Amino acid sequence: MGDEGASPSLLARFDAEMRRDPPAGPGTRIERAGPVVRERGSHNLIVAWEFDAAEAERIVAREAAFFRALGEDVEWKLYAHDRPENLAAVLAAHGFQAEERETVMVLELGAHDDAWPANPEVEVRVVRTAAELETYLAVTARAFGSVAKSAAGTLSARLFGEAADTLAAVAYVSAEPVAAGRLELPPGRAFASSWGGGTDPEYRGRGVYRRLVAERARWAQARGYEYLTVDAQETSRPILERLGFTALTTVQGWTLAGRA
């Protein structure tokens, strides 16, 4: 369990819907390899597992060998309440590198509408065309310093395809695109998730990120979702708390470079 006073029942529901039975979006597939649940696609993830400390060495070694043989990178998402307790040490021993720990923040949609800002200076638009997607990627690159070369193709299927499960958003100030983020809307789940929210450094501190999160929360609620989650860095957490988000648990990605 996380150390943030999370609801055990909500955390259990999150694990059941989003990890043990994860949604497969366009361009991804779910694989079950014994006790391990993998999400395969442009970004490979190990999202759930069930084994004890005695089995950790064997299974981690098997997963590392599997992705190295394919020449593919993989991220093992380790949450604070996960077991076995020796898993982080075993991942490190097999070449997985720890990323920054983040807090999984959750908002009960519809319960905090009064906290959602209506800043008239900021306009948030949904990405609907290839040209708008290019704007989204350019803003993302300004916010984070870079963007993956494959991002346009990967996002196109999720935004515009028949099985589209994602909305991308760009925030504008005086018609200038200054922030971007996406909203994943897995069918048949209670949880929508917000990803990639970033603001051009010249426009930070003006409430743009807060408005971008609030708009995505409205969109998720309008589509019938009960909750919105964000994997938040410490810089974002205070903003999210002011919007009504609470901490559910913490998560740390462990990445293995399968590509040379």
Protein backbone atom coordinates (compact mmCIF):
# COMPACT_ATOMS: atom_id res chain seq x y z
CA MET A 1 0.00 0.00 0.00
CA GLY A 2 1.18 3.53 -0.66
CA ASP A 3 1.99 5.84 2.25
CA GLU A 4 -0.47 8.56 1.19
CA GLY A 5 -3.70 7.41 2.88
CA ALA A 6 -5.11 5.91 -0.30
CA SER A 7 -8.46 4.14 -0.28
CA PRO A 8 -7.71 0.39 -0.31
CA SER A 9 -10.87 -0.35 -2.31
CA LEU A 10 -10.09 2.28 -4.95
CA LEU A 11 -6.50 1.08 -5.25
CA ALA A 12 -7.74 -2.50 -5.64
CA ARG A 13 -10.15 -1.39 -8.36
CA PHE A 14 -7.37 0.48 -10.18
CA ASP A 15 -5.15 -2.62 -10.08
CA ALA A 16 -7.96 -4.87 -11.33
CA GLU A 17 -9.08 -2.64 -14.22
CA MET A 18 -5.86 -1.01 -15.36
CA ARG A 19 -3.17 -3.55 -14.52
CA ARG A 20 -4.36 -7.14 -14.14
CA ASP A 21 -6.80 -6.68 -17.03
CA PRO A 22 -5.22 -3.74 -18.88
CA PRO A 23 -6.95 -2.14 -21.87
CA ALA A 24 -5.24 -2.67 -25.21
CA GLY A 25 -5.30 0.51 -27.26
CA PRO A 26 -4.66 0.82 -31.00
CA GLY A 27 -1.23 -0.53 -31.88
CA THR A 28 -0.85 -2.44 -28.60
CA ARG A 29 -1.56 -5.97 -27.46
CA ILE A 30 -1.71 -7.67 -24.07
CA GLU A 31 0.40 -10.77 -23.46
CA ARG A 32 0.20 -13.09 -20.47
CA ALA A 33 3.46 -14.94 -19.90
CA GLY A 34 2.85 -17.12 -16.88
CA PRO A 35 2.48 -14.75 -13.91
CA VAL A 36 3.47 -11.65 -15.89
CA VAL A 37 1.17 -9.30 -17.82
CA ARG A 38 2.89 -7.43 -20.66
CA GLU A 39 1.65 -4.58 -22.81
CA ARG A 40 3.43 -4.73 -26.18
CA GLY A 41 3.60 -1.93 -28.71
CA SER A 42 5.66 1.15 -29.43
CA HIS A 43 6.35 1.35 -25.69
CA ASN A 44 6.59 -2.04 -23.99
CA LEU A 45 5.40 -2.29 -20.39
CA ILE A 46 5.23 -4.92 -17.71
CA VAL A 47 2.12 -3.85 -15.85
CA ALA A 48 1.25 -6.69 -13.46
CA TRP A 49 2.60 -9.95 -12.07
CA GLU A 50 2.04 -12.49 -9.35
CA PHE A 51 5.06 -14.31 -7.93
CA ASP A 52 6.89 -14.50 -4.61
CA ALA A 53 10.41 -13.47 -3.62
CA ALA A 54 11.79 -16.93 -4.33
CA GLU A 55 10.63 -16.72 -7.94
CA ALA A 56 11.73 -13.13 -8.60
CA GLU A 57 15.21 -13.95 -9.86
CA ARG A 58 14.02 -16.50 -12.40
CA ILE A 59 11.15 -14.45 -13.77
CA VAL A 60 13.01 -11.15 -14.03
CA ALA A 61 15.88 -12.93 -15.79
CA ARG A 62 13.39 -14.48 -18.22
CA GLU A 63 11.75 -11.12 -19.00
CA ALA A 64 15.11 -9.41 -19.48
CA ALA A 65 16.26 -12.17 -21.85
CA PHE A 66 12.96 -12.04 -23.76
CA PHE A 67 13.17 -8.32 -24.57
CA ARG A 68 16.92 -8.37 -25.22
CA ALA A 69 16.41 -11.18 -27.73
CA LEU A 70 13.80 -9.03 -29.49
CA GLY A 71 16.04 -5.96 -29.35
CA GLU A 72 13.22 -4.01 -27.71
CA ASP A 73 13.18 -1.70 -24.70
CA VAL A 74 10.78 -2.40 -21.84
CA GLU A 75 9.59 -0.57 -18.74
CA TRP A 76 8.61 -2.47 -15.59
CA LYS A 77 6.12 -0.32 -13.65
CA LEU A 78 6.64 -0.92 -9.93
CA TYR A 79 4.06 0.54 -7.55
CA ALA A 80 4.63 1.16 -3.84
CA HIS A 81 2.17 -1.54 -2.76
CA ASP A 82 3.55 -4.22 -5.12
CA ARG A 83 5.21 -7.41 -4.02
CA PRO A 84 7.59 -9.16 -3.68
CA GLU A 85 9.69 -6.82 -1.58
CA ASN A 86 12.95 -7.86 -3.27
CA LEU A 87 11.73 -6.99 -6.77
CA ALA A 88 13.49 -3.61 -7.08
CA ALA A 89 16.83 -5.15 -6.10
CA VAL A 90 16.39 -8.01 -8.58
CA LEU A 91 15.45 -5.60 -11.39
CA ALA A 92 18.59 -3.58 -10.72
CA ALA A 93 20.72 -6.72 -10.72
CA HIS A 94 19.45 -7.59 -14.21
CA GLY A 95 20.20 -4.23 -15.77
CA PHE A 96 16.93 -2.35 -15.27
CA GLN A 97 17.47 1.35 -14.55
CA ALA A 98 15.29 3.20 -12.04
CA GLU A 99 13.42 6.27 -13.27
CA GLU A 100 12.16 9.11 -11.08
CA ARG A 101 9.49 8.05 -8.62
CA GLU A 102 6.09 9.64 -9.28
CA THR A 103 2.84 9.89 -7.34
CA VAL A 104 -0.30 8.43 -8.87
CA MET A 105 -2.89 11.16 -8.30
CA VAL A 106 -6.61 10.47 -8.69
CA LEU A 107 -9.61 12.77 -9.09
CA GLU A 108 -13.17 11.65 -8.49
CA LEU A 109 -14.83 13.29 -11.46
CA GLY A 110 -17.85 15.41 -10.69
CA ALA A 111 -16.87 15.93 -7.05
CA HIS A 112 -14.64 18.98 -7.54
CA ASP A 113 -16.15 21.02 -10.36
CA ASP A 114 -15.84 24.22 -8.34
CA ALA A 115 -12.06 23.82 -8.27
CA TRP A 116 -11.76 23.72 -12.07
CA PRO A 117 -10.52 27.08 -13.37
CA ALA A 118 -12.11 29.04 -16.19
CA ASN A 119 -9.14 31.22 -17.13
CA PRO A 120 -10.31 33.34 -20.10
CA GLU A 121 -6.71 33.90 -21.16
CA VAL A 122 -6.27 30.20 -22.01
CA GLU A 123 -8.14 28.33 -24.75
CA VAL A 124 -7.83 24.54 -24.90
CA ARG A 125 -8.56 22.79 -28.21
CA VAL A 126 -8.83 19.14 -29.17
CA VAL A 127 -6.41 17.96 -31.89
CA ARG A 128 -8.52 16.91 -34.88
CA THR A 129 -6.18 17.07 -37.92
CA ALA A 130 -2.67 16.03 -38.91
CA ALA A 131 -1.60 19.69 -38.93
CA GLU A 132 -2.89 20.15 -35.39
CA LEU A 133 -1.01 17.02 -34.36
CA GLU A 134 2.20 18.61 -35.65
CA THR A 135 1.44 21.64 -33.48
CA TYR A 136 0.88 19.33 -30.51
CA LEU A 137 4.26 17.65 -31.07
CA ALA A 138 6.07 20.98 -31.51
CA VAL A 139 4.65 22.32 -28.25
CA THR A 140 5.51 19.07 -26.48
CA ALA A 141 9.11 19.34 -27.73
CA ARG A 142 9.36 22.91 -26.41
CA ALA A 143 7.97 21.84 -23.05
CA PHE A 144 10.10 18.72 -22.53
CA GLY A 145 13.12 19.40 -24.74
CA SER A 146 12.46 16.59 -27.22
CA VAL A 147 9.85 14.27 -28.65
CA ALA A 148 10.25 10.74 -30.02
CA LYS A 149 10.54 10.50 -33.81
CA SER A 150 7.86 7.80 -33.82
CA ALA A 151 5.38 9.89 -31.81
CA ALA A 152 3.38 11.17 -34.80
CA GLY A 153 2.68 7.71 -36.18
CA THR A 154 1.93 6.21 -32.79
CA LEU A 155 -0.46 9.00 -31.83
CA SER A 156 -2.23 9.10 -35.19
CA ALA A 157 -3.69 5.62 -34.68
CA ARG A 158 -4.83 6.49 -31.17
CA LEU A 159 -6.32 9.86 -32.15
CA PHE A 160 -7.83 9.30 -35.58
CA GLY A 161 -8.26 5.56 -36.16
CA GLU A 162 -11.47 3.57 -35.93
CA ALA A 163 -10.48 2.34 -32.46
CA ALA A 164 -9.26 5.76 -31.26
CA ASP A 165 -9.04 5.89 -27.48
CA THR A 166 -7.16 9.16 -26.93
CA LEU A 167 -7.76 12.90 -27.12
CA ALA A 168 -4.82 15.26 -27.56
CA ALA A 169 -5.13 18.84 -26.37
CA VAL A 170 -3.25 22.05 -27.10
CA ALA A 171 -3.59 25.14 -24.90
CA TYR A 172 -3.36 28.55 -26.57
CA VAL A 173 -2.66 31.98 -25.13
CA SER A 174 -3.43 34.83 -27.54
CA ALA A 175 -3.61 32.28 -30.38
CA GLU A 176 -0.08 31.03 -29.53
CA PRO A 177 0.17 27.27 -28.77
CA VAL A 178 1.92 27.05 -25.39
CA ALA A 179 1.05 23.72 -23.73
CA ALA A 180 -0.02 20.22 -24.71
CA GLY A 181 -1.18 16.95 -23.17
CA ARG A 182 -3.29 13.92 -23.93
CA LEU A 183 -6.21 12.10 -22.35
CA GLU A 184 -6.48 8.32 -22.63
CA LEU A 185 -10.04 6.95 -22.57
CA PRO A 186 -9.92 3.14 -22.33
CA PRO A 187 -13.29 1.58 -23.16
CA GLY A 188 -15.10 -0.29 -20.43
CA ARG A 189 -13.04 1.16 -17.59
CA ALA A 190 -13.80 3.61 -14.78
CA PHE A 191 -10.40 5.32 -15.04
CA ALA A 192 -9.35 7.83 -17.69
CA SER A 193 -5.74 9.00 -17.52
CA SER A 194 -3.94 12.24 -18.26
CA TRP A 195 -0.45 12.15 -19.79
CA GLY A 196 2.27 14.38 -21.17
CA GLY A 197 1.03 17.72 -19.83
CA GLY A 198 3.81 20.21 -20.50
CA THR A 199 4.03 23.97 -20.86
CA ASP A 200 6.45 26.11 -22.86
CA PRO A 201 8.91 27.47 -20.26
CA GLU A 202 8.07 31.07 -21.24
CA TYR A 203 4.44 30.54 -20.20
CA ARG A 204 4.85 28.67 -16.92
CA GLY A 205 3.39 30.13 -13.75
CA ARG A 206 0.33 31.54 -15.53
CA GLY A 207 -2.18 28.79 -14.79
CA VAL A 208 -1.90 27.16 -18.21
CA TYR A 209 -1.12 23.66 -16.94
CA ARG A 210 -3.94 23.87 -14.40
CA ARG A 211 -6.41 24.81 -17.12
CA LEU A 212 -5.14 22.04 -19.39
CA VAL A 213 -5.70 19.44 -16.66
CA ALA A 214 -9.14 20.86 -15.83
CA GLU A 215 -10.31 20.69 -19.44
CA ARG A 216 -9.24 17.08 -19.77
CA ALA A 217 -11.08 16.28 -16.53
CA ARG A 218 -14.25 17.81 -18.00
CA TRP A 219 -13.86 15.77 -21.19
CA ALA A 220 -13.40 12.54 -19.21
CA GLN A 221 -16.44 13.25 -17.06
CA ALA A 222 -18.55 14.05 -20.13
CA ARG A 223 -17.67 10.61 -21.52
CA GLY A 224 -18.85 8.82 -18.39
CA TYR A 225 -15.59 8.12 -16.58
CA GLU A 226 -15.63 8.06 -12.79
CA TYR A 227 -11.98 8.89 -12.15
CA LEU A 228 -9.03 10.65 -13.75
CA THR A 229 -5.46 9.62 -12.89
CA VAL A 230 -2.12 11.38 -13.40
CA ASP A 231 1.39 10.03 -12.76
CA ALA A 232 2.68 13.25 -11.23
CA GLN A 233 6.13 14.63 -10.58
CA GLU A 234 6.58 16.65 -7.40
CA THR A 235 6.39 19.91 -9.38
CA SER A 236 2.89 19.04 -10.59
CA ARG A 237 1.51 17.54 -7.41
CA PRO A 238 0.58 20.83 -5.63
CA ILE A 239 -1.31 22.04 -8.72
CA LEU A 240 -3.22 18.79 -8.94
CA GLU A 241 -4.08 18.88 -5.24
CA ARG A 242 -5.62 22.33 -5.70
CA LEU A 243 -7.83 20.79 -8.40
CA GLY A 244 -9.05 18.13 -5.99
CA PHE A 245 -6.71 15.24 -6.82
CA THR A 246 -5.50 12.99 -4.00
CA ALA A 247 -2.58 10.56 -3.88
CA LEU A 248 -3.44 6.94 -4.61
CA THR A 249 0.04 5.37 -4.46
CA THR A 250 3.50 5.96 -5.91
CA VAL A 251 5.05 4.40 -8.99
CA GLN A 252 8.57 3.99 -10.31
CA GLY A 253 9.47 2.87 -13.79
CA TRP A 254 12.40 0.50 -14.22
CA THR A 255 13.64 0.51 -17.83
CA LEU A 256 15.72 -2.02 -19.70
CA ALA A 257 17.41 -1.06 -22.96
CA GLY A 258 16.93 -3.97 -25.33
CA ARG A 259 18.09 -1.99 -28.34
CA ALA A 260 21.81 -1.62 -28.98
